[in-house]
Amino acid sequence: MTAYYIGQHDIEDEAAFAAYLEQTLPFIAKHGGRYLTKAGSHEMLEGKRPSRVVVVEFPNKKAIKDWYNDPGYRPLIPRRHAAARSTMIVVEGQ
């Protein structure tokens, strides 16, 4: 069943986050991830506006967890933490 990763990031260091993202994108693609939204295009109906919100479609929840736990991706997580505060959500499609 298709699953979606929703990432909400409050970016504190744009250059460091861009470097993190450049290294992260191949791992997302490796696990079947496909961006459905354009970063920076979100509008808020309520709440504080984060710097970046994305929705990425994956074949299933396992693929998202495989991406997140990929040995090549795991060392990048501290780089994201240093550049941004993130909320990362996994939801299943219908």
PDB file of N, CA and C in Angstrom:
ATOM      1  N   MET A   1       0.845  -1.177   0.000  1.00  0.00           N
ATOM      2  CA  MET A   1       0.000   0.000   0.000  1.00  0.00           C
ATOM      3  C   MET A   1       0.888   1.237   0.000  1.00  0.00           C
ATOM      4  N   THR A   2       0.597   2.169  -0.882  1.00  0.00           N
ATOM      5  CA  THR A   2       1.351   3.411  -0.976  1.00  0.00           C
ATOM      6  C   THR A   2       1.382   4.115   0.379  1.00  0.00           C
ATOM      7  N   ALA A   3       2.518   4.728   0.677  1.00  0.00           N
ATOM      8  CA  ALA A   3       2.669   5.479   1.920  1.00  0.00           C
ATOM      9  C   ALA A   3       3.342   6.805   1.587  1.00  0.00           C
ATOM     10  N   TYR A   4       3.169   7.754   2.497  1.00  0.00           N
ATOM     11  CA  TYR A   4       3.676   9.102   2.269  1.00  0.00           C
ATOM     12  C   TYR A   4       4.524   9.557   3.452  1.00  0.00           C
ATOM     13  N   TYR A   5       5.640  10.179   3.110  1.00  0.00           N
ATOM     14  CA  TYR A   5       6.481  10.839   4.094  1.00  0.00           C
ATOM     15  C   TYR A   5       6.142  12.325   4.006  1.00  0.00           C
ATOM     16  N   ILE A   6       5.803  12.910   5.132  1.00  0.00           N
ATOM     17  CA  ILE A   6       5.555  14.344   5.209  1.00  0.00           C
ATOM     18  C   ILE A   6       6.658  14.926   6.078  1.00  0.00           C
ATOM     19  N   GLY A   7       7.424  15.823   5.486  1.00  0.00           N
ATOM     20  CA  GLY A   7       8.519  16.460   6.203  1.00  0.00           C
ATOM     21  C   GLY A   7       8.228  17.935   6.398  1.00  0.00           C
ATOM     22  N   GLN A   8       8.345  18.376   7.627  1.00  0.00           N
ATOM     23  CA  GLN A   8       8.169  19.790   7.964  1.00  0.00           C
ATOM     24  C   GLN A   8       9.456  20.230   8.638  1.00  0.00           C
ATOM     25  N   HIS A   9      10.094  21.244   8.060  1.00  0.00           N
ATOM     26  CA  HIS A   9      11.407  21.654   8.552  1.00  0.00           C
ATOM     27  C   HIS A   9      11.429  23.154   8.831  1.00  0.00           C
ATOM     28  N   ASP A  10      11.919  23.515   9.995  1.00  0.00           N
ATOM     29  CA  ASP A  10      12.211  24.904  10.332  1.00  0.00           C
ATOM     30  C   ASP A  10      13.721  25.055  10.171  1.00  0.00           C
ATOM     31  N   ILE A  11      14.125  25.598   9.043  1.00  0.00           N
ATOM     32  CA  ILE A  11      15.535  25.643   8.666  1.00  0.00           C
ATOM     33  C   ILE A  11      16.222  26.834   9.332  1.00  0.00           C
ATOM     34  N   GLU A  12      17.325  26.543   9.982  1.00  0.00           N
ATOM     35  CA  GLU A  12      18.115  27.574  10.657  1.00  0.00           C
ATOM     36  C   GLU A  12      19.384  27.911   9.880  1.00  0.00           C
ATOM     37  N   ASP A  13      19.871  26.979   9.064  1.00  0.00           N
ATOM     38  CA  ASP A  13      21.076  27.186   8.262  1.00  0.00           C
ATOM     39  C   ASP A  13      20.777  26.688   6.852  1.00  0.00           C
ATOM     40  N   GLU A  14      20.402  27.611   5.966  1.00  0.00           N
ATOM     41  CA  GLU A  14      19.980  27.260   4.602  1.00  0.00           C
ATOM     42  C   GLU A  14      21.070  26.509   3.836  1.00  0.00           C
ATOM     43  N   ALA A  15      22.310  26.965   3.915  1.00  0.00           N
ATOM     44  CA  ALA A  15      23.395  26.321   3.166  1.00  0.00           C
ATOM     45  C   ALA A  15      23.632  24.889   3.650  1.00  0.00           C
ATOM     46  N   ALA A  16      23.643  24.699   4.956  1.00  0.00           N
ATOM     47  CA  ALA A  16      23.861  23.361   5.511  1.00  0.00           C
ATOM     48  C   ALA A  16      22.696  22.443   5.169  1.00  0.00           C
ATOM     49  N   PHE A  17      21.458  22.967   5.189  1.00  0.00           N
ATOM     50  CA  PHE A  17      20.311  22.144   4.843  1.00  0.00           C
ATOM     51  C   PHE A  17      20.359  21.769   3.363  1.00  0.00           C
ATOM     52  N   ALA A  18      20.745  22.699   2.504  1.00  0.00           N
ATOM     53  CA  ALA A  18      20.855  22.414   1.070  1.00  0.00           C
ATOM     54  C   ALA A  18      21.891  21.321   0.812  1.00  0.00           C
ATOM     55  N   ALA A  19      23.011  21.363   1.536  1.00  0.00           N
ATOM     56  CA  ALA A  19      24.043  20.326   1.391  1.00  0.00           C
ATOM     57  C   ALA A  19      23.505  18.974   1.866  1.00  0.00           C
ATOM     58  N   TYR A  20      22.794  18.973   2.984  1.00  0.00           N
ATOM     59  CA  TYR A  20      22.161  17.739   3.496  1.00  0.00           C
ATOM     60  C   TYR A  20      21.203  17.190   2.448  1.00  0.00           C
ATOM     61  N   LEU A  21      20.358  18.054   1.901  1.00  0.00           N
ATOM     62  CA  LEU A  21      19.336  17.617   0.946  1.00  0.00           C
ATOM     63  C   LEU A  21      19.966  17.036  -0.311  1.00  0.00           C
ATOM     64  N   GLU A  22      21.017  17.668  -0.801  1.00  0.00           N
ATOM     65  CA  GLU A  22      21.696  17.177  -2.002  1.00  0.00           C
ATOM     66  C   GLU A  22      22.187  15.742  -1.811  1.00  0.00           C
ATOM     67  N   GLN A  23      22.670  15.437  -0.612  1.00  0.00           N
ATOM     68  CA  GLN A  23      23.145  14.085  -0.327  1.00  0.00           C
ATOM     69  C   GLN A  23      22.001  13.118  -0.023  1.00  0.00           C
ATOM     70  N   THR A  24      20.873  13.648   0.410  1.00  0.00           N
ATOM     71  CA  THR A  24      19.735  12.815   0.797  1.00  0.00           C
ATOM     72  C   THR A  24      18.905  12.350  -0.395  1.00  0.00           C
ATOM     73  N   LEU A  25      18.756  13.195  -1.393  1.00  0.00           N
ATOM     74  CA  LEU A  25      17.880  12.882  -2.535  1.00  0.00           C
ATOM     75  C   LEU A  25      18.169  11.530  -3.193  1.00  0.00           C
ATOM     76  N   PRO A  26      19.429  11.149  -3.399  1.00  0.00           N
ATOM     77  CA  PRO A  26      19.662   9.822  -3.996  1.00  0.00           C
ATOM     78  C   PRO A  26      19.155   8.665  -3.140  1.00  0.00           C
ATOM     79  N   PHE A  27      19.176   8.821  -1.826  1.00  0.00           N
ATOM     80  CA  PHE A  27      18.679   7.751  -0.957  1.00  0.00           C
ATOM     81  C   PHE A  27      17.156   7.655  -1.024  1.00  0.00           C
ATOM     82  N   ILE A  28      16.491   8.793  -1.130  1.00  0.00           N
ATOM     83  CA  ILE A  28      15.038   8.779  -1.295  1.00  0.00           C
ATOM     84  C   ILE A  28      14.685   8.071  -2.591  1.00  0.00           C
ATOM     85  N   ALA A  29      15.362   8.420  -3.678  1.00  0.00           N
ATOM     86  CA  ALA A  29      15.096   7.777  -4.975  1.00  0.00           C
ATOM     87  C   ALA A  29      15.421   6.286  -4.931  1.00  0.00           C
ATOM     88  N   LYS A  30      16.505   5.927  -4.265  1.00  0.00           N
ATOM     89  CA  LYS A  30      16.920   4.517  -4.157  1.00  0.00           C
ATOM     90  C   LYS A  30      15.804   3.654  -3.577  1.00  0.00           C
ATOM     91  N   HIS A  31      15.014   4.225  -2.673  1.00  0.00           N
ATOM     92  CA  HIS A  31      13.958   3.462  -2.004  1.00  0.00           C
ATOM     93  C   HIS A  31      12.577   3.721  -2.604  1.00  0.00           C
ATOM     94  N   GLY A  32      12.561   4.284  -3.790  1.00  0.00           N
ATOM     95  CA  GLY A  32      11.295   4.447  -4.517  1.00  0.00           C
ATOM     96  C   GLY A  32      10.537   5.707  -4.196  1.00  0.00           C
ATOM     97  N   GLY A  33      11.164   6.663  -3.520  1.00  0.00           N
ATOM     98  CA  GLY A  33      10.493   7.908  -3.164  1.00  0.00           C
ATOM     99  C   GLY A  33      10.359   8.841  -4.350  1.00  0.00           C
ATOM    100  N   ARG A  34       9.228   9.533  -4.391  1.00  0.00           N
ATOM    101  CA  ARG A  34       8.941  10.484  -5.469  1.00  0.00           C
ATOM    102  C   ARG A  34       8.258  11.699  -4.861  1.00  0.00           C
ATOM    103  N   TYR A  35       8.882  12.872  -5.041  1.00  0.00           N
ATOM    104  CA  TYR A  35       8.315  14.106  -4.489  1.00  0.00           C
ATOM    105  C   TYR A  35       6.998  14.429  -5.177  1.00  0.00           C
ATOM    106  N   LEU A  36       5.973  14.725  -4.374  1.00  0.00           N
ATOM    107  CA  LEU A  36       4.658  15.094  -4.896  1.00  0.00           C
ATOM    108  C   LEU A  36       4.396  16.585  -4.794  1.00  0.00           C
ATOM    109  N   THR A  37       5.190  17.264  -4.001  1.00  0.00           N
ATOM    110  CA  THR A  37       4.967  18.688  -3.767  1.00  0.00           C
ATOM    111  C   THR A  37       6.234  19.471  -4.036  1.00  0.00           C
ATOM    112  N   LYS A  38       6.051  20.743  -4.270  1.00  0.00           N
ATOM    113  CA  LYS A  38       7.166  21.658  -4.492  1.00  0.00           C
ATOM    114  C   LYS A  38       7.492  22.318  -3.153  1.00  0.00           C
ATOM    115  N   ALA A  39       8.722  22.191  -2.731  1.00  0.00           N
ATOM    116  CA  ALA A  39       9.141  22.797  -1.465  1.00  0.00           C
ATOM    117  C   ALA A  39       8.939  24.301  -1.511  1.00  0.00           C
ATOM    118  N   GLY A  40       8.471  24.851  -0.406  1.00  0.00           N
ATOM    119  CA  GLY A  40       8.276  26.290  -0.306  1.00  0.00           C
ATOM    120  C   GLY A  40       6.965  26.792  -0.865  1.00  0.00           C
ATOM    121  N   SER A  41       6.114  25.889  -1.356  1.00  0.00           N
ATOM    122  CA  SER A  41       4.853  26.318  -1.968  1.00  0.00           C
ATOM    123  C   SER A  41       3.667  26.246  -0.996  1.00  0.00           C
ATOM    124  N   HIS A  42       3.917  25.887   0.252  1.00  0.00           N
ATOM    125  CA  HIS A  42       2.829  25.685   1.199  1.00  0.00           C
ATOM    126  C   HIS A  42       2.268  27.015   1.725  1.00  0.00           C
ATOM    127  N   GLU A  43       0.996  26.973   2.047  1.00  0.00           N
ATOM    128  CA  GLU A  43       0.307  28.086   2.699  1.00  0.00           C
ATOM    129  C   GLU A  43      -0.259  27.567   4.010  1.00  0.00           C
ATOM    130  N   MET A  44      -0.298  28.413   4.992  1.00  0.00           N
ATOM    131  CA  MET A  44      -0.791  28.017   6.300  1.00  0.00           C
ATOM    132  C   MET A  44      -2.241  28.441   6.479  1.00  0.00           C
ATOM    133  N   LEU A  45      -3.045  27.515   6.980  1.00  0.00           N
ATOM    134  CA  LEU A  45      -4.403  27.842   7.394  1.00  0.00           C
ATOM    135  C   LEU A  45      -4.435  28.151   8.885  1.00  0.00           C
ATOM    136  N   GLU A  46      -3.563  27.466   9.634  1.00  0.00           N
ATOM    137  CA  GLU A  46      -3.425  27.687  11.071  1.00  0.00           C
ATOM    138  C   GLU A  46      -1.991  27.383  11.462  1.00  0.00           C
ATOM    139  N   GLY A  47      -1.546  27.948  12.556  1.00  0.00           N
ATOM    140  CA  GLY A  47      -0.247  27.612  13.117  1.00  0.00           C
ATOM    141  C   GLY A  47       0.901  28.407  12.525  1.00  0.00           C
ATOM    142  N   LYS A  48       2.090  28.112  13.044  1.00  0.00           N
ATOM    143  CA  LYS A  48       3.324  28.776  12.631  1.00  0.00           C
ATOM    144  C   LYS A  48       3.809  28.173  11.316  1.00  0.00           C
ATOM    145  N   ARG A  49       4.233  29.010  10.402  1.00  0.00           N
ATOM    146  CA  ARG A  49       4.681  28.554   9.087  1.00  0.00           C
ATOM    147  C   ARG A  49       6.108  28.019   9.158  1.00  0.00           C
ATOM    148  N   PRO A  50       6.320  26.722   8.857  1.00  0.00           N
ATOM    149  CA  PRO A  50       7.679  26.196   8.781  1.00  0.00           C
ATOM    150  C   PRO A  50       8.347  26.676   7.492  1.00  0.00           C
ATOM    151  N   SER A  51       9.658  26.577   7.442  1.00  0.00           N
ATOM    152  CA  SER A  51      10.410  26.986   6.261  1.00  0.00           C
ATOM    153  C   SER A  51      10.103  26.110   5.050  1.00  0.00           C
ATOM    154  N   ARG A  52       9.930  24.809   5.296  1.00  0.00           N
ATOM    155  CA  ARG A  52       9.809  23.853   4.202  1.00  0.00           C
ATOM    156  C   ARG A  52       8.857  22.742   4.609  1.00  0.00           C
ATOM    157  N   VAL A  53       7.952  22.387   3.704  1.00  0.00           N
ATOM    158  CA  VAL A  53       7.070  21.234   3.882  1.00  0.00           C
ATOM    159  C   VAL A  53       7.075  20.463   2.572  1.00  0.00           C
ATOM    160  N   VAL A  54       7.274  19.149   2.655  1.00  0.00           N
ATOM    161  CA  VAL A  54       7.231  18.314   1.456  1.00  0.00           C
ATOM    162  C   VAL A  54       6.426  17.056   1.721  1.00  0.00           C
ATOM    163  N   VAL A  55       5.867  16.514   0.657  1.00  0.00           N
ATOM    164  CA  VAL A  55       5.202  15.222   0.694  1.00  0.00           C
ATOM    165  C   VAL A  55       5.897  14.352  -0.353  1.00  0.00           C
ATOM    166  N   VAL A  56       6.361  13.184   0.091  1.00  0.00           N
ATOM    167  CA  VAL A  56       7.065  12.263  -0.792  1.00  0.00           C
ATOM    168  C   VAL A  56       6.320  10.933  -0.773  1.00  0.00           C
ATOM    169  N   GLU A  57       5.986  10.446  -1.948  1.00  0.00           N
ATOM    170  CA  GLU A  57       5.283   9.166  -2.077  1.00  0.00           C
ATOM    171  C   GLU A  57       6.304   8.034  -2.159  1.00  0.00           C
ATOM    172  N   PHE A  58       6.045   6.961  -1.416  1.00  0.00           N
ATOM    173  CA  PHE A  58       6.857   5.750  -1.457  1.00  0.00           C
ATOM    174  C   PHE A  58       5.932   4.569  -1.751  1.00  0.00           C
ATOM    175  N   PRO A  59       6.482   3.454  -2.223  1.00  0.00           N
ATOM    176  CA  PRO A  59       5.640   2.286  -2.516  1.00  0.00           C
ATOM    177  C   PRO A  59       4.875   1.760  -1.298  1.00  0.00           C
ATOM    178  N   ASN A  60       5.473   1.900  -0.101  1.00  0.00           N
ATOM    179  CA  ASN A  60       4.847   1.400   1.126  1.00  0.00           C
ATOM    180  C   ASN A  60       5.612   1.950   2.328  1.00  0.00           C
ATOM    181  N   LYS A  61       5.086   1.690   3.533  1.00  0.00           N
ATOM    182  CA  LYS A  61       5.743   2.173   4.754  1.00  0.00           C
ATOM    183  C   LYS A  61       7.122   1.559   4.932  1.00  0.00           C
ATOM    184  N   LYS A  62       7.268   0.307   4.531  1.00  0.00           N
ATOM    185  CA  LYS A  62       8.561  -0.347   4.669  1.00  0.00           C
ATOM    186  C   LYS A  62       9.620   0.398   3.869  1.00  0.00           C
ATOM    187  N   ALA A  63       9.285   0.872   2.679  1.00  0.00           N
ATOM    188  CA  ALA A  63      10.250   1.607   1.857  1.00  0.00           C
ATOM    189  C   ALA A  63      10.691   2.895   2.551  1.00  0.00           C
ATOM    190  N   ILE A  64       9.765   3.573   3.235  1.00  0.00           N
ATOM    191  CA  ILE A  64      10.131   4.787   3.971  1.00  0.00           C
ATOM    192  C   ILE A  64      11.086   4.445   5.104  1.00  0.00           C
ATOM    193  N   LYS A  65      10.765   3.398   5.845  1.00  0.00           N
ATOM    194  CA  LYS A  65      11.633   2.993   6.956  1.00  0.00           C
ATOM    195  C   LYS A  65      12.977   2.503   6.445  1.00  0.00           C
ATOM    196  N   ASP A  66      12.980   1.826   5.281  1.00  0.00           N
ATOM    197  CA  ASP A  66      14.248   1.384   4.687  1.00  0.00           C
ATOM    198  C   ASP A  66      15.104   2.587   4.286  1.00  0.00           C
ATOM    199  N   TRP A  67      14.468   3.644   3.746  1.00  0.00           N
ATOM    200  CA  TRP A  67      15.212   4.869   3.424  1.00  0.00           C
ATOM    201  C   TRP A  67      15.796   5.471   4.712  1.00  0.00           C
ATOM    202  N   TYR A  68      14.940   5.645   5.720  1.00  0.00           N
ATOM    203  CA  TYR A  68      15.376   6.294   6.958  1.00  0.00           C
ATOM    204  C   TYR A  68      16.494   5.515   7.647  1.00  0.00           C
ATOM    205  N   ASN A  69      16.444   4.196   7.549  1.00  0.00           N
ATOM    206  CA  ASN A  69      17.433   3.353   8.218  1.00  0.00           C
ATOM    207  C   ASN A  69      18.576   2.919   7.304  1.00  0.00           C
ATOM    208  N   ASP A  70      18.604   3.412   6.074  1.00  0.00           N
ATOM    209  CA  ASP A  70      19.667   3.063   5.133  1.00  0.00           C
ATOM    210  C   ASP A  70      21.022   3.451   5.749  1.00  0.00           C
ATOM    211  N   PRO A  71      21.982   2.531   5.760  1.00  0.00           N
ATOM    212  CA  PRO A  71      23.288   2.839   6.355  1.00  0.00           C
ATOM    213  C   PRO A  71      23.980   4.050   5.720  1.00  0.00           C
ATOM    214  N   GLY A  72      23.686   4.337   4.479  1.00  0.00           N
ATOM    215  CA  GLY A  72      24.262   5.511   3.839  1.00  0.00           C
ATOM    216  C   GLY A  72      23.586   6.800   4.251  1.00  0.00           C
ATOM    217  N   TYR A  73      22.291   6.732   4.573  1.00  0.00           N
ATOM    218  CA  TYR A  73      21.542   7.920   4.970  1.00  0.00           C
ATOM    219  C   TYR A  73      21.734   8.256   6.446  1.00  0.00           C
ATOM    220  N   ARG A  74      21.829   7.264   7.295  1.00  0.00           N
ATOM    221  CA  ARG A  74      21.880   7.492   8.753  1.00  0.00           C
ATOM    222  C   ARG A  74      22.929   8.538   9.173  1.00  0.00           C
ATOM    223  N   PRO A  75      24.131   8.549   8.582  1.00  0.00           N
ATOM    224  CA  PRO A  75      25.114   9.567   8.981  1.00  0.00           C
ATOM    225  C   PRO A  75      24.707  10.994   8.594  1.00  0.00           C
ATOM    226  N   LEU A  76      23.722  11.137   7.706  1.00  0.00           N
ATOM    227  CA  LEU A  76      23.273  12.467   7.295  1.00  0.00           C
ATOM    228  C   LEU A  76      22.299  13.092   8.296  1.00  0.00           C
ATOM    229  N   ILE A  77      21.676  12.269   9.121  1.00  0.00           N
ATOM    230  CA  ILE A  77      20.659  12.766  10.050  1.00  0.00           C
ATOM    231  C   ILE A  77      21.217  13.833  10.999  1.00  0.00           C
ATOM    232  N   PRO A  78      22.397  13.645  11.596  1.00  0.00           N
ATOM    233  CA  PRO A  78      22.934  14.715  12.453  1.00  0.00           C
ATOM    234  C   PRO A  78      23.158  16.028  11.691  1.00  0.00           C
ATOM    235  N   ARG A  79      23.437  15.941  10.411  1.00  0.00           N
ATOM    236  CA  ARG A  79      23.608  17.162   9.610  1.00  0.00           C
ATOM    237  C   ARG A  79      22.274  17.908   9.497  1.00  0.00           C
ATOM    238  N   ARG A  80      21.194  17.145   9.315  1.00  0.00           N
ATOM    239  CA  ARG A  80      19.863  17.780   9.279  1.00  0.00           C
ATOM    240  C   ARG A  80      19.545  18.393  10.626  1.00  0.00           C
ATOM    241  N   HIS A  81      19.818  17.670  11.688  1.00  0.00           N
ATOM    242  CA  HIS A  81      19.552  18.188  13.030  1.00  0.00           C
ATOM    243  C   HIS A  81      20.320  19.482  13.303  1.00  0.00           C
ATOM    244  N   ALA A  82      21.520  19.585  12.755  1.00  0.00           N
ATOM    245  CA  ALA A  82      22.324  20.787  12.962  1.00  0.00           C
ATOM    246  C   ALA A  82      21.794  21.973  12.149  1.00  0.00           C
ATOM    247  N   ALA A  83      21.096  21.687  11.057  1.00  0.00           N
ATOM    248  CA  ALA A  83      20.631  22.749  10.152  1.00  0.00           C
ATOM    249  C   ALA A  83      19.173  23.132  10.351  1.00  0.00           C
ATOM    250  N   ALA A  84      18.370  22.236  10.952  1.00  0.00           N
ATOM    251  CA  ALA A  84      16.925  22.485  11.026  1.00  0.00           C
ATOM    252  C   ALA A  84      16.291  21.691  12.157  1.00  0.00           C
ATOM    253  N   ARG A  85      15.140  22.167  12.583  1.00  0.00           N
ATOM    254  CA  ARG A  85      14.274  21.377  13.468  1.00  0.00           C
ATOM    255  C   ARG A  85      13.225  20.749  12.567  1.00  0.00           C
ATOM    256  N   SER A  86      13.047  19.445  12.698  1.00  0.00           N
ATOM    257  CA  SER A  86      12.189  18.725  11.759  1.00  0.00           C
ATOM    258  C   SER A  86      11.095  17.942  12.455  1.00  0.00           C
ATOM    259  N   THR A  87       9.967  17.850  11.771  1.00  0.00           N
ATOM    260  CA  THR A  87       8.905  16.918  12.110  1.00  0.00           C
ATOM    261  C   THR A  87       8.749  16.025  10.899  1.00  0.00           C
ATOM    262  N   MET A  88       8.859  14.715  11.116  1.00  0.00           N
ATOM    263  CA  MET A  88       8.807  13.770  10.001  1.00  0.00           C
ATOM    264  C   MET A  88       7.707  12.763  10.292  1.00  0.00           C
ATOM    265  N   ILE A  89       6.762  12.652   9.374  1.00  0.00           N
ATOM    266  CA  ILE A  89       5.566  11.840   9.574  1.00  0.00           C
ATOM    267  C   ILE A  89       5.441  10.816   8.450  1.00  0.00           C
ATOM    268  N   VAL A  90       4.961   9.618   8.780  1.00  0.00           N
ATOM    269  CA  VAL A  90       4.660   8.582   7.798  1.00  0.00           C
ATOM    270  C   VAL A  90       3.174   8.292   7.886  1.00  0.00           C
ATOM    271  N   VAL A  91       2.486   8.332   6.731  1.00  0.00           N
ATOM    272  CA  VAL A  91       1.069   7.971   6.695  1.00  0.00           C
ATOM    273  C   VAL A  91       0.828   7.035   5.526  1.00  0.00           C
ATOM    274  N   GLU A  92      -0.112   6.111   5.704  1.00  0.00           N
ATOM    275  CA  GLU A  92      -0.486   5.199   4.620  1.00  0.00           C
ATOM    276  C   GLU A  92      -1.555   5.834   3.748  1.00  0.00           C
ATOM    277  N   GLY A  93      -1.497   5.502   2.462  1.00  0.00           N
ATOM    278  CA  GLY A  93      -2.537   5.928   1.539  1.00  0.00           C
ATOM    279  C   GLY A  93      -3.722   4.978   1.624  1.00  0.00           C
ATOM    280  N   GLN A  94      -4.713   5.258   0.836  1.00  0.00           N
ATOM    281  CA  GLN A  94      -5.911   4.388   0.846  1.00  0.00           C
ATOM    282  C   GLN A  94      -5.851   3.363  -0.232  1.00  0.00           C
TER     283      GLN A  94
END
